Every structure is written in structure tokens, then in C-alpha cells.
Amino acid sequence: MMKYEYKVVTLKRSMWSGKVRADYLEALNEYGKEGWQFKMFADKYVVSEPYKRVELIFERAIPSTKFSHGL
């Protein structure tokens, strides 16, 4: 049975301009090179902050040798 691990990357987006303060494409390429596959995103709003958070969710398979010892 294949097992997976997940990573959540948070980017900030200005509420006024709607622009992302970090480069989506850069994050996607960076994590893709490490074997992470982009799965979905989630918009988050924190009342006390002047921006929204965008969470990028990545997944990658765990090599079978990593969990073959009873994990």
C-alpha cells in the first residue's frame, strides 16, 4: 500500500489589491523539483491581519523503504 506525506505552504495576499506577495509559480516549481505534487489550495482569512492567506497543499509518495520497518 502506498503511503503519502503532505506539506502546506502559506502565501500572503493583500486584501486591497488581491495580489499575492509571493510567487505562486516559484513555489510550485521549487516543491515540484523536490518531488512534491500540487494537490489544492485554500483561501484563509484572519480578521486581525490586513491580508488573506493562501495555503498551497502538496503531496508526495513516501518511498517504501521509509516505512518498511513497521511504521
Protein backbone atom coordinates (compact mmCIF):
# COMPACT_ATOMS: atom_id res chain seq x y z
CA MET A 1 0.00 0.00 0.00
CA MET A 2 1.36 3.41 -0.99
CA LYS A 3 1.76 6.00 1.76
CA TYR A 4 1.97 9.76 1.35
CA GLU A 5 3.23 12.81 3.18
CA TYR A 6 1.84 16.32 2.88
CA LYS A 7 3.20 19.86 3.03
CA VAL A 8 1.28 23.12 3.44
CA VAL A 9 2.89 26.32 2.12
CA THR A 10 1.29 29.61 3.17
CA LEU A 11 1.44 32.68 0.92
CA LYS A 12 0.09 36.11 1.86
CA ARG A 13 -2.24 38.07 -0.42
CA SER A 14 -3.11 41.74 0.04
CA MET A 15 -6.82 42.21 0.71
CA TRP A 16 -6.84 45.53 -1.15
CA SER A 17 -5.00 44.61 -4.33
CA GLY A 18 -5.68 40.88 -4.37
CA LYS A 19 -2.07 40.33 -5.41
CA VAL A 20 -0.06 37.51 -3.93
CA ARG A 21 3.04 38.69 -2.10
CA ALA A 22 4.97 35.55 -3.06
CA ASP A 23 5.31 33.99 -6.47
CA TYR A 24 2.95 31.02 -6.94
CA LEU A 25 4.89 29.69 -9.89
CA GLU A 26 8.17 29.85 -8.00
CA ALA A 27 6.69 27.84 -5.11
CA LEU A 28 5.13 25.27 -7.45
CA ASN A 29 8.40 24.76 -9.33
CA GLU A 30 10.54 24.68 -6.19
CA TYR A 31 8.47 21.98 -4.48
CA GLY A 32 7.92 20.11 -7.75
CA LYS A 33 11.69 19.70 -8.11
CA GLU A 34 11.70 18.05 -4.67
CA GLY A 35 9.07 15.52 -5.77
CA TRP A 36 6.03 17.31 -4.28
CA GLN A 37 2.84 17.33 -6.36
CA PHE A 38 0.44 20.28 -6.01
CA LYS A 39 -2.97 18.99 -4.83
CA MET A 40 -5.12 22.01 -3.94
CA PHE A 41 -5.24 25.47 -2.41
CA ALA A 42 -7.29 27.03 0.36
CA ASP A 43 -8.03 30.72 0.96
CA LYS A 44 -7.75 31.71 4.62
CA TYR A 45 -8.85 34.99 6.17
CA VAL A 46 -7.57 36.16 9.55
CA VAL A 47 -9.66 39.02 10.96
CA SER A 48 -6.76 40.71 12.77
CA GLU A 49 -4.48 40.81 9.69
CA PRO A 50 -4.70 43.11 6.62
CA TYR A 51 -4.20 40.23 4.20
CA LYS A 52 -5.57 36.83 3.31
CA ARG A 53 -3.52 33.68 3.43
CA VAL A 54 -3.47 31.27 0.55
CA GLU A 55 -2.39 27.77 1.51
CA LEU A 56 -0.90 25.54 -1.18
CA ILE A 57 -1.15 21.86 -0.34
CA PHE A 58 1.39 19.41 -1.75
CA GLU A 59 1.62 15.62 -1.63
CA ARG A 60 4.41 13.13 -2.34
CA ALA A 61 4.74 9.39 -2.03
CA ILE A 62 6.88 8.03 0.79
CA PRO A 63 9.42 5.54 -0.55
CA SER A 64 8.56 2.02 0.61
CA THR A 65 11.94 1.68 2.37
CA LYS A 66 10.97 4.57 4.66
CA PHE A 67 8.00 2.68 6.13
CA SER A 68 9.02 -0.97 5.70
CA HIS A 69 10.29 -1.24 9.29
CA GLY A 70 6.89 -1.40 10.99
CA LEU A 71 5.89 2.26 10.57
